[in-house]
Structure formats: C-alpha cells, structure tokens
C-alpha cells in the first residue's frame, strides 16, 4: 500500500508536483510559526499565544492534507481525461 501511494506521487505530472511542493513548504512555514508561538507561550504564559499557536498548527496540518489529497485528485482527473 505504501509503495503504491509513493508510486502515485512519482508518476504525477511535474506542474502538479510543483504546486504540491510549494503548498507543503508553505504549510511547513506555518508549522514553524505555530511552534514559535507555542514556545513563547511556555515562557510567557500568555493564553492568546497558546490559542494562536494551536489554531495556526491545526490550519497548517489541515492545509497540508488538503494539498496532498487535491494533488492526487487533480492528477487522477487529468489522467482519465487524457485517455
């Protein structure tokens, strides 16, 4: 199953792969910002910093899953359309 999923990403169109990689880099930056905010919460104990960090972290994780699912979906549609 794991090899099948990885082969799906390797066989993906290059333009879709570029969008996927850019989206995952953006989500990684959001995760770093959230981690920084949660680190500030540990030192300052500001509840707004905690809520900001948790919301940004959950959004970044949601967007990363969204990018992966949509890239596979678009590649599948493009593959069926070319046949």
Protein backbone atom coordinates (compact mmCIF):
# COMPACT_ATOMS: atom_id res chain seq x y z
CA UNK A 1 0.00 0.00 0.00
CA UNK A 2 2.81 2.36 0.91
CA UNK A 3 4.68 1.64 -2.33
CA UNK A 4 1.50 2.16 -4.33
CA UNK A 5 0.98 5.56 -2.69
CA UNK A 6 4.61 6.60 -3.30
CA UNK A 7 4.44 5.45 -6.92
CA UNK A 8 1.38 7.66 -7.35
CA UNK A 9 3.46 10.70 -6.34
CA UNK A 10 6.39 9.72 -8.56
CA UNK A 11 4.16 9.33 -11.61
CA UNK A 12 2.46 12.68 -11.03
CA UNK A 13 2.69 15.49 -13.57
CA UNK A 14 5.53 17.94 -12.93
CA UNK A 15 3.28 21.01 -12.70
CA UNK A 16 1.11 19.30 -10.09
CA UNK A 17 4.22 18.23 -8.19
CA UNK A 18 5.46 21.83 -8.15
CA UNK A 19 2.17 23.05 -6.68
CA UNK A 20 2.23 20.24 -4.13
CA UNK A 21 5.79 21.01 -3.07
CA UNK A 22 5.10 24.74 -2.81
CA UNK A 23 1.98 24.10 -0.74
CA UNK A 24 3.79 21.74 1.61
CA UNK A 25 6.63 24.27 2.05
CA UNK A 26 4.05 26.93 2.92
CA UNK A 27 2.46 24.59 5.47
CA UNK A 28 5.86 23.82 6.94
CA UNK A 29 6.49 27.54 7.43
CA UNK A 30 3.10 27.85 9.14
CA UNK A 31 4.02 24.95 11.42
CA UNK A 32 7.28 26.71 12.32
CA UNK A 33 5.36 29.90 13.17
CA UNK A 34 2.95 27.89 15.31
CA UNK A 35 5.83 26.17 17.09
CA UNK A 36 7.43 29.53 17.77
CA UNK A 37 4.16 30.86 19.18
CA UNK A 38 3.74 27.82 21.42
CA UNK A 39 7.34 28.23 22.62
CA UNK A 40 6.55 31.82 23.55
CA UNK A 41 3.54 30.53 25.48
CA UNK A 42 5.83 28.25 27.51
CA UNK A 43 8.00 31.17 28.55
CA UNK A 44 5.45 33.99 28.94
CA UNK A 45 2.22 32.04 29.73
CA UNK A 46 0.09 34.27 27.56
CA UNK A 47 -3.14 32.39 26.68
CA UNK A 48 -3.56 34.32 23.42
CA UNK A 49 -0.22 32.99 22.27
CA UNK A 50 -1.40 29.46 23.02
CA UNK A 51 -4.64 29.81 21.09
CA UNK A 52 -2.86 31.48 18.18
CA UNK A 53 -0.30 28.67 18.04
CA UNK A 54 -2.85 25.87 18.24
CA UNK A 55 -5.08 27.47 15.57
CA UNK A 56 -2.18 28.04 13.19
CA UNK A 57 -0.87 24.50 13.76
CA UNK A 58 -4.26 22.90 13.09
CA UNK A 59 -4.73 25.06 9.99
CA UNK A 60 -1.29 24.13 8.66
CA UNK A 61 -1.94 20.43 9.17
CA UNK A 62 -5.34 20.72 7.50
CA UNK A 63 -3.87 22.57 4.51
CA UNK A 64 -1.07 20.04 4.10
CA UNK A 65 -3.55 17.16 3.96
CA UNK A 66 -5.70 19.24 1.60
CA UNK A 67 -2.76 19.82 -0.77
CA UNK A 68 -1.89 16.11 -0.86
CA UNK A 69 -5.46 14.94 -1.47
CA UNK A 70 -6.20 17.60 -4.09
CA UNK A 71 -2.97 16.94 -5.99
CA UNK A 72 -3.76 13.22 -6.22
CA UNK A 73 -7.33 14.05 -7.22
CA UNK A 74 -6.30 16.51 -9.96
CA UNK A 75 -3.67 14.12 -11.30
CA UNK A 76 -6.24 11.31 -11.45
CA UNK A 77 -8.74 13.50 -13.27
CA UNK A 78 -6.06 14.67 -15.70
CA UNK A 79 -5.04 11.04 -16.34
CA UNK A 80 -8.60 9.97 -17.08
CA UNK A 81 -9.19 12.98 -19.30
CA UNK A 82 -6.17 12.18 -21.49
CA UNK A 83 -7.36 8.59 -22.11
